[in-house]
């Protein structure tokens, strides 16, 4: 293949490019084509900004995660007098059908873990509020709610469900016909989905408590 020989000026530029360092090369480019380096850096910054924006959009906005109780602290609250036993409830086809009535959906897990001692049981269950799961603890004794606690709250709104004025509404509540609580639970403005999540999980825990007694 025929190649056109370089003239002396081109040869001199090529030799200069090879012999100089990176910073000198930038100066060399500016001498040959003023403004080229500035435009190149501007393009690099622009594409870097596009990349960062894309990654942030892909990752999605960060959501707060508030931990109010660990598993151990909740169980210590539920069983102050001793060490509870652990067990599981297997989710049969019928129990999954009942769960659809209580939770609004069929659970994906095959079994649910619980802790019990002297007729009292404790349940740690997750339920989606608006977009994120809320980890809820429910204590049951004699088929009645002894207490409800929010262990972890991950939503950006609706965190008022962790307060006593809301949680105390569940104390003493019972399940009627395996479907509804024996009382109405007052909602919280702006936290309807979180209120529903806590209410449904409480009903589910009462139902599960009955299952371990049968």
C-alpha atoms as a PDB file:
ATOM      1  CA  UNK A   1       0.000   0.000   0.000  1.00  0.00           C
ATOM      2  CA  UNK A   2       1.420   3.389  -0.995  1.00  0.00           C
ATOM      3  CA  UNK A   3       1.887   5.918   1.777  1.00  0.00           C
ATOM      4  CA  UNK A   4       2.599   9.520   1.129  1.00  0.00           C
ATOM      5  CA  UNK A   5       5.861  10.526   2.819  1.00  0.00           C
ATOM      6  CA  UNK A   6       5.645  13.112   5.586  1.00  0.00           C
ATOM      7  CA  UNK A   7       7.134  16.494   4.929  1.00  0.00           C
ATOM      8  CA  UNK A   8       9.667  18.005   7.317  1.00  0.00           C
ATOM      9  CA  UNK A   9       7.064  20.029   9.238  1.00  0.00           C
ATOM     10  CA  UNK A  10       4.894  16.961   9.864  1.00  0.00           C
ATOM     11  CA  UNK A  11       7.908  14.890  10.900  1.00  0.00           C
ATOM     12  CA  UNK A  12       8.927  17.593  13.366  1.00  0.00           C
ATOM     13  CA  UNK A  13       5.429  17.659  14.928  1.00  0.00           C
ATOM     14  CA  UNK A  14       5.364  13.856  15.235  1.00  0.00           C
ATOM     15  CA  UNK A  15       8.774  13.744  16.909  1.00  0.00           C
ATOM     16  CA  UNK A  16       7.745  16.517  19.280  1.00  0.00           C
ATOM     17  CA  UNK A  17       4.529  14.628  20.227  1.00  0.00           C
ATOM     18  CA  UNK A  18       6.433  11.456  21.086  1.00  0.00           C
ATOM     19  CA  UNK A  19       9.136  13.169  23.120  1.00  0.00           C
ATOM     20  CA  UNK A  20       7.046  15.442  25.348  1.00  0.00           C
ATOM     21  CA  UNK A  21       5.064  14.537  28.481  1.00  0.00           C
ATOM     22  CA  UNK A  22       1.285  14.701  29.028  1.00  0.00           C
ATOM     23  CA  UNK A  23       1.200  18.318  30.218  1.00  0.00           C
ATOM     24  CA  UNK A  24       3.490  19.389  27.387  1.00  0.00           C
ATOM     25  CA  UNK A  25       1.253  17.556  24.931  1.00  0.00           C
ATOM     26  CA  UNK A  26      -1.712  19.620  26.063  1.00  0.00           C
ATOM     27  CA  UNK A  27       0.270  22.807  25.479  1.00  0.00           C
ATOM     28  CA  UNK A  28       1.347  21.425  22.112  1.00  0.00           C
ATOM     29  CA  UNK A  29      -2.298  20.811  21.141  1.00  0.00           C
ATOM     30  CA  UNK A  30      -3.214  24.347  22.181  1.00  0.00           C
ATOM     31  CA  UNK A  31      -0.465  25.708  19.956  1.00  0.00           C
ATOM     32  CA  UNK A  32      -1.694  23.686  16.976  1.00  0.00           C
ATOM     33  CA  UNK A  33      -5.430  24.271  17.580  1.00  0.00           C
ATOM     34  CA  UNK A  34      -6.241  26.951  20.165  1.00  0.00           C
ATOM     35  CA  UNK A  35      -9.359  26.115  22.210  1.00  0.00           C
ATOM     36  CA  UNK A  36      -9.375  22.408  21.337  1.00  0.00           C
ATOM     37  CA  UNK A  37      -8.285  21.324  24.828  1.00  0.00           C
ATOM     38  CA  UNK A  38     -10.870  23.522  26.528  1.00  0.00           C
ATOM     39  CA  UNK A  39     -13.616  22.064  24.352  1.00  0.00           C
ATOM     40  CA  UNK A  40     -12.399  18.525  25.064  1.00  0.00           C
ATOM     41  CA  UNK A  41     -12.495  19.090  28.832  1.00  0.00           C
ATOM     42  CA  UNK A  42     -15.941  20.676  28.522  1.00  0.00           C
ATOM     43  CA  UNK A  43     -17.217  17.586  26.704  1.00  0.00           C
ATOM     44  CA  UNK A  44     -15.664  15.332  29.356  1.00  0.00           C
ATOM     45  CA  UNK A  45     -17.391  17.256  32.161  1.00  0.00           C
ATOM     46  CA  UNK A  46     -20.677  17.134  30.272  1.00  0.00           C
ATOM     47  CA  UNK A  47     -20.551  13.365  29.775  1.00  0.00           C
ATOM     48  CA  UNK A  48     -19.480  12.862  33.406  1.00  0.00           C
ATOM     49  CA  UNK A  49     -22.531  14.857  34.521  1.00  0.00           C
ATOM     50  CA  UNK A  50     -24.776  12.746  32.287  1.00  0.00           C
ATOM     51  CA  UNK A  51     -23.280   9.545  33.732  1.00  0.00           C
ATOM     52  CA  UNK A  52     -23.738  10.655  37.345  1.00  0.00           C
ATOM     53  CA  UNK A  53     -27.329  11.734  36.656  1.00  0.00           C
ATOM     54  CA  UNK A  54     -28.082   8.372  35.048  1.00  0.00           C
ATOM     55  CA  UNK A  55     -26.630   6.429  37.969  1.00  0.00           C
ATOM     56  CA  UNK A  56     -28.623   8.467  40.481  1.00  0.00           C
ATOM     57  CA  UNK A  57     -31.842   7.942  38.541  1.00  0.00           C
ATOM     58  CA  UNK A  58     -31.128   4.229  38.171  1.00  0.00           C
ATOM     59  CA  UNK A  59     -30.435   3.777  41.887  1.00  0.00           C
ATOM     60  CA  UNK A  60     -33.566   5.692  42.853  1.00  0.00           C
ATOM     61  CA  UNK A  61     -33.963   8.089  45.780  1.00  0.00           C
ATOM     62  CA  UNK A  62     -32.605   7.021  49.130  1.00  0.00           C
ATOM     63  CA  UNK A  63     -35.293   6.144  51.633  1.00  0.00           C
ATOM     64  CA  UNK A  64     -34.929   6.550  55.373  1.00  0.00           C
ATOM     65  CA  UNK A  65     -34.766   3.470  57.577  1.00  0.00           C
ATOM     66  CA  UNK A  66     -35.681   4.026  61.209  1.00  0.00           C
ATOM     67  CA  UNK A  67     -34.905   1.163  63.596  1.00  0.00           C
ATOM     68  CA  UNK A  68     -36.943   1.425  66.795  1.00  0.00           C
ATOM     69  CA  UNK A  69     -36.462  -2.111  68.105  1.00  0.00           C
ATOM     70  CA  UNK A  70     -34.156  -4.979  67.302  1.00  0.00           C
ATOM     71  CA  UNK A  71     -35.482  -8.520  67.342  1.00  0.00           C
ATOM     72  CA  UNK A  72     -33.828  -9.125  70.717  1.00  0.00           C
ATOM     73  CA  UNK A  73     -35.171  -5.959  72.330  1.00  0.00           C
ATOM     74  CA  UNK A  74     -38.680  -6.721  71.100  1.00  0.00           C
ATOM     75  CA  UNK A  75     -38.559 -10.289  72.424  1.00  0.00           C
ATOM     76  CA  UNK A  76     -37.232  -9.039  75.763  1.00  0.00           C
ATOM     77  CA  UNK A  77     -40.257  -6.751  75.912  1.00  0.00           C
ATOM     78  CA  UNK A  78     -42.622  -9.572  74.964  1.00  0.00           C
ATOM     79  CA  UNK A  79     -41.172 -12.125  77.401  1.00  0.00           C
ATOM     80  CA  UNK A  80     -39.683 -10.304  80.392  1.00  0.00           C
ATOM     81  CA  UNK A  81     -39.973 -13.385  82.587  1.00  0.00           C
ATOM     82  CA  UNK A  82     -38.025 -15.956  80.616  1.00  0.00           C
ATOM     83  CA  UNK A  83     -36.593 -17.353  77.418  1.00  0.00           C
ATOM     84  CA  UNK A  84     -39.284 -18.134  74.815  1.00  0.00           C
ATOM     85  CA  UNK A  85     -39.444 -21.229  72.669  1.00  0.00           C
ATOM     86  CA  UNK A  86     -39.337 -20.907  68.899  1.00  0.00           C
ATOM     87  CA  UNK A  87     -41.595 -22.574  66.375  1.00  0.00           C
ATOM     88  CA  UNK A  88     -42.962 -22.253  62.863  1.00  0.00           C
ATOM     89  CA  UNK A  89     -46.392 -22.210  61.294  1.00  0.00           C
ATOM     90  CA  UNK A  90     -46.495 -23.894  57.906  1.00  0.00           C
ATOM     91  CA  UNK A  91     -48.622 -22.007  55.414  1.00  0.00           C
ATOM     92  CA  UNK A  92     -50.993 -24.564  53.970  1.00  0.00           C
ATOM     93  CA  UNK A  93     -53.233 -23.794  51.018  1.00  0.00           C
ATOM     94  CA  UNK A  94     -56.104 -22.913  53.345  1.00  0.00           C
ATOM     95  CA  UNK A  95     -53.949 -20.629  55.457  1.00  0.00           C
ATOM     96  CA  UNK A  96     -52.770 -18.815  52.353  1.00  0.00           C
ATOM     97  CA  UNK A  97     -56.379 -18.320  51.287  1.00  0.00           C
ATOM     98  CA  UNK A  98     -57.178 -16.914  54.721  1.00  0.00           C
ATOM     99  CA  UNK A  99     -54.126 -14.662  54.448  1.00  0.00           C
ATOM    100  CA  UNK A 100     -55.562 -13.107  51.298  1.00  0.00           C
ATOM    101  CA  UNK A 101     -58.580 -11.998  53.346  1.00  0.00           C
ATOM    102  CA  UNK A 102     -56.461 -10.706  56.217  1.00  0.00           C
ATOM    103  CA  UNK A 103     -53.446  -9.236  54.428  1.00  0.00           C
ATOM    104  CA  UNK A 104     -54.868  -8.526  51.004  1.00  0.00           C
ATOM    105  CA  UNK A 105     -52.416 -10.900  49.341  1.00  0.00           C
ATOM    106  CA  UNK A 106     -51.081 -14.426  49.635  1.00  0.00           C
ATOM    107  CA  UNK A 107     -47.740 -14.713  51.487  1.00  0.00           C
ATOM    108  CA  UNK A 108     -44.756 -15.777  49.429  1.00  0.00           C
ATOM    109  CA  UNK A 109     -43.053 -17.672  52.253  1.00  0.00           C
ATOM    110  CA  UNK A 110     -43.760 -21.302  53.113  1.00  0.00           C
ATOM    111  CA  UNK A 111     -43.603 -20.900  56.881  1.00  0.00           C
ATOM    112  CA  UNK A 112     -43.628 -18.195  59.520  1.00  0.00           C
ATOM    113  CA  UNK A 113     -41.470 -18.180  62.604  1.00  0.00           C
ATOM    114  CA  UNK A 114     -42.808 -17.284  66.042  1.00  0.00           C
ATOM    115  CA  UNK A 115     -41.772 -17.223  69.689  1.00  0.00           C
ATOM    116  CA  UNK A 116     -43.938 -18.436  72.570  1.00  0.00           C
ATOM    117  CA  UNK A 117     -43.939 -18.928  76.322  1.00  0.00           C
ATOM    118  CA  UNK A 118     -46.772 -19.817  78.729  1.00  0.00           C
ATOM    119  CA  UNK A 119     -49.562 -19.201  76.231  1.00  0.00           C
ATOM    120  CA  UNK A 120     -48.118 -15.944  74.919  1.00  0.00           C
ATOM    121  CA  UNK A 121     -46.775 -15.632  71.382  1.00  0.00           C
ATOM    122  CA  UNK A 122     -44.760 -12.989  69.572  1.00  0.00           C
ATOM    123  CA  UNK A 123     -44.610 -12.403  65.832  1.00  0.00           C
ATOM    124  CA  UNK A 124     -42.253 -10.331  63.709  1.00  0.00           C
ATOM    125  CA  UNK A 125     -43.822  -9.716  60.317  1.00  0.00           C
ATOM    126  CA  UNK A 126     -43.199  -7.480  57.312  1.00  0.00           C
ATOM    127  CA  UNK A 127     -45.891  -5.670  55.348  1.00  0.00           C
ATOM    128  CA  UNK A 128     -45.549  -3.184  52.517  1.00  0.00           C
ATOM    129  CA  UNK A 129     -46.857   0.264  53.385  1.00  0.00           C
ATOM    130  CA  UNK A 130     -46.759   2.440  50.288  1.00  0.00           C
ATOM    131  CA  UNK A 131     -43.545   1.204  48.696  1.00  0.00           C
ATOM    132  CA  UNK A 132     -41.313  -0.272  51.397  1.00  0.00           C
ATOM    133  CA  UNK A 133     -41.790  -3.060  53.981  1.00  0.00           C
ATOM    134  CA  UNK A 134     -42.601  -2.128  57.567  1.00  0.00           C
ATOM    135  CA  UNK A 135     -41.309  -4.584  60.155  1.00  0.00           C
ATOM    136  CA  UNK A 136     -43.984  -5.006  62.807  1.00  0.00           C
ATOM    137  CA  UNK A 137     -43.972  -6.922  66.075  1.00  0.00           C
ATOM    138  CA  UNK A 138     -47.220  -8.234  67.584  1.00  0.00           C
ATOM    139  CA  UNK A 139     -47.636  -9.851  71.009  1.00  0.00           C
ATOM    140  CA  UNK A 140     -50.682 -12.088  71.543  1.00  0.00           C
ATOM    141  CA  UNK A 141     -52.036 -13.804  74.652  1.00  0.00           C
ATOM    142  CA  UNK A 142     -55.416 -15.460  75.257  1.00  0.00           C
ATOM    143  CA  UNK A 143     -56.363 -14.639  71.645  1.00  0.00           C
ATOM    144  CA  UNK A 144     -56.006 -10.919  72.414  1.00  0.00           C
ATOM    145  CA  UNK A 145     -53.410  -8.375  71.389  1.00  0.00           C
ATOM    146  CA  UNK A 146     -51.050  -7.553  74.235  1.00  0.00           C
ATOM    147  CA  UNK A 147     -49.002  -5.084  72.258  1.00  0.00           C
ATOM    148  CA  UNK A 148     -47.959  -3.839  68.833  1.00  0.00           C
ATOM    149  CA  UNK A 149     -44.533  -2.383  68.079  1.00  0.00           C
ATOM    150  CA  UNK A 150     -42.883  -0.952  64.988  1.00  0.00           C
ATOM    151  CA  UNK A 151     -39.424  -2.474  64.731  1.00  0.00           C
ATOM    152  CA  UNK A 152     -38.222  -0.923  61.465  1.00  0.00           C
ATOM    153  CA  UNK A 153     -39.909   1.797  59.429  1.00  0.00           C
ATOM    154  CA  UNK A 154     -38.645   2.416  55.898  1.00  0.00           C
ATOM    155  CA  UNK A 155     -41.202   4.722  54.309  1.00  0.00           C
ATOM    156  CA  UNK A 156     -40.603   8.442  53.850  1.00  0.00           C
ATOM    157  CA  UNK A 157     -44.034   9.276  55.312  1.00  0.00           C
ATOM    158  CA  UNK A 158     -46.498   7.758  57.751  1.00  0.00           C
ATOM    159  CA  UNK A 159     -44.059   7.118  60.592  1.00  0.00           C
ATOM    160  CA  UNK A 160     -46.658   8.270  63.125  1.00  0.00           C
ATOM    161  CA  UNK A 161     -47.813   4.656  63.385  1.00  0.00           C
ATOM    162  CA  UNK A 162     -44.934   4.085  65.805  1.00  0.00           C
ATOM    163  CA  UNK A 163     -46.455   6.385  68.436  1.00  0.00           C
ATOM    164  CA  UNK A 164     -48.356   5.103  71.466  1.00  0.00           C
ATOM    165  CA  UNK A 165     -51.551   7.009  70.646  1.00  0.00           C
ATOM    166  CA  UNK A 166     -51.910   4.781  67.597  1.00  0.00           C
ATOM    167  CA  UNK A 167     -50.476   1.495  68.889  1.00  0.00           C
ATOM    168  CA  UNK A 168     -52.575   1.447  72.060  1.00  0.00           C
ATOM    169  CA  UNK A 169     -55.733   1.143  69.965  1.00  0.00           C
ATOM    170  CA  UNK A 170     -54.818  -2.501  69.331  1.00  0.00           C
ATOM    171  CA  UNK A 171     -54.412  -3.526  72.962  1.00  0.00           C
ATOM    172  CA  UNK A 172     -57.039  -6.126  73.865  1.00  0.00           C
ATOM    173  CA  UNK A 173     -58.219  -6.472  70.260  1.00  0.00           C
ATOM    174  CA  UNK A 174     -59.567  -9.836  69.107  1.00  0.00           C
ATOM    175  CA  UNK A 175     -60.252 -11.395  65.736  1.00  0.00           C
ATOM    176  CA  UNK A 176     -63.873 -11.961  64.716  1.00  0.00           C
ATOM    177  CA  UNK A 177     -64.657 -14.784  62.292  1.00  0.00           C
ATOM    178  CA  UNK A 178     -60.975 -14.885  61.298  1.00  0.00           C
ATOM    179  CA  UNK A 179     -61.485 -11.714  59.263  1.00  0.00           C
ATOM    180  CA  UNK A 180     -61.952  -8.486  61.218  1.00  0.00           C
ATOM    181  CA  UNK A 181     -60.892  -6.927  64.486  1.00  0.00           C
ATOM    182  CA  UNK A 182     -63.543  -6.402  67.118  1.00  0.00           C
ATOM    183  CA  UNK A 183     -63.030  -2.637  66.913  1.00  0.00           C
ATOM    184  CA  UNK A 184     -62.374   0.197  64.507  1.00  0.00           C
ATOM    185  CA  UNK A 185     -58.858   1.591  64.312  1.00  0.00           C
ATOM    186  CA  UNK A 186     -58.636   5.345  63.875  1.00  0.00           C
ATOM    187  CA  UNK A 187     -56.520   6.363  60.920  1.00  0.00           C
ATOM    188  CA  UNK A 188     -53.795   8.976  60.638  1.00  0.00           C
ATOM    189  CA  UNK A 189     -53.915  11.702  58.021  1.00  0.00           C
ATOM    190  CA  UNK A 190     -51.252  11.091  55.398  1.00  0.00           C
ATOM    191  CA  UNK A 191     -50.484   7.598  56.705  1.00  0.00           C
ATOM    192  CA  UNK A 192     -53.430   5.554  55.454  1.00  0.00           C
ATOM    193  CA  UNK A 193     -51.348   2.821  53.836  1.00  0.00           C
ATOM    194  CA  UNK A 194     -49.126   2.446  56.894  1.00  0.00           C
ATOM    195  CA  UNK A 195     -52.182   2.279  59.155  1.00  0.00           C
ATOM    196  CA  UNK A 196     -53.655  -0.430  56.940  1.00  0.00           C
ATOM    197  CA  UNK A 197     -50.376  -2.352  56.986  1.00  0.00           C
ATOM    198  CA  UNK A 198     -50.186  -2.394  60.794  1.00  0.00           C
ATOM    199  CA  UNK A 199     -53.875  -3.284  61.101  1.00  0.00           C
ATOM    200  CA  UNK A 200     -53.639  -6.161  58.631  1.00  0.00           C
ATOM    201  CA  UNK A 201     -50.493  -7.561  60.241  1.00  0.00           C
ATOM    202  CA  UNK A 202     -52.180  -7.456  63.644  1.00  0.00           C
ATOM    203  CA  UNK A 203     -55.114  -9.461  62.288  1.00  0.00           C
ATOM    204  CA  UNK A 204     -52.702 -11.914  60.692  1.00  0.00           C
ATOM    205  CA  UNK A 205     -50.821 -12.395  63.973  1.00  0.00           C
ATOM    206  CA  UNK A 206     -54.082 -13.079  65.842  1.00  0.00           C
ATOM    207  CA  UNK A 207     -54.998 -15.640  63.210  1.00  0.00           C
ATOM    208  CA  UNK A 208     -51.591 -17.323  63.399  1.00  0.00           C
ATOM    209  CA  UNK A 209     -51.795 -17.455  67.190  1.00  0.00           C
ATOM    210  CA  UNK A 210     -54.991 -19.468  66.881  1.00  0.00           C
ATOM    211  CA  UNK A 211     -53.254 -21.859  64.503  1.00  0.00           C
ATOM    212  CA  UNK A 212     -50.555 -22.789  67.006  1.00  0.00           C
ATOM    213  CA  UNK A 213     -53.191 -23.531  69.649  1.00  0.00           C
ATOM    214  CA  UNK A 214     -55.129 -25.960  67.473  1.00  0.00           C
END
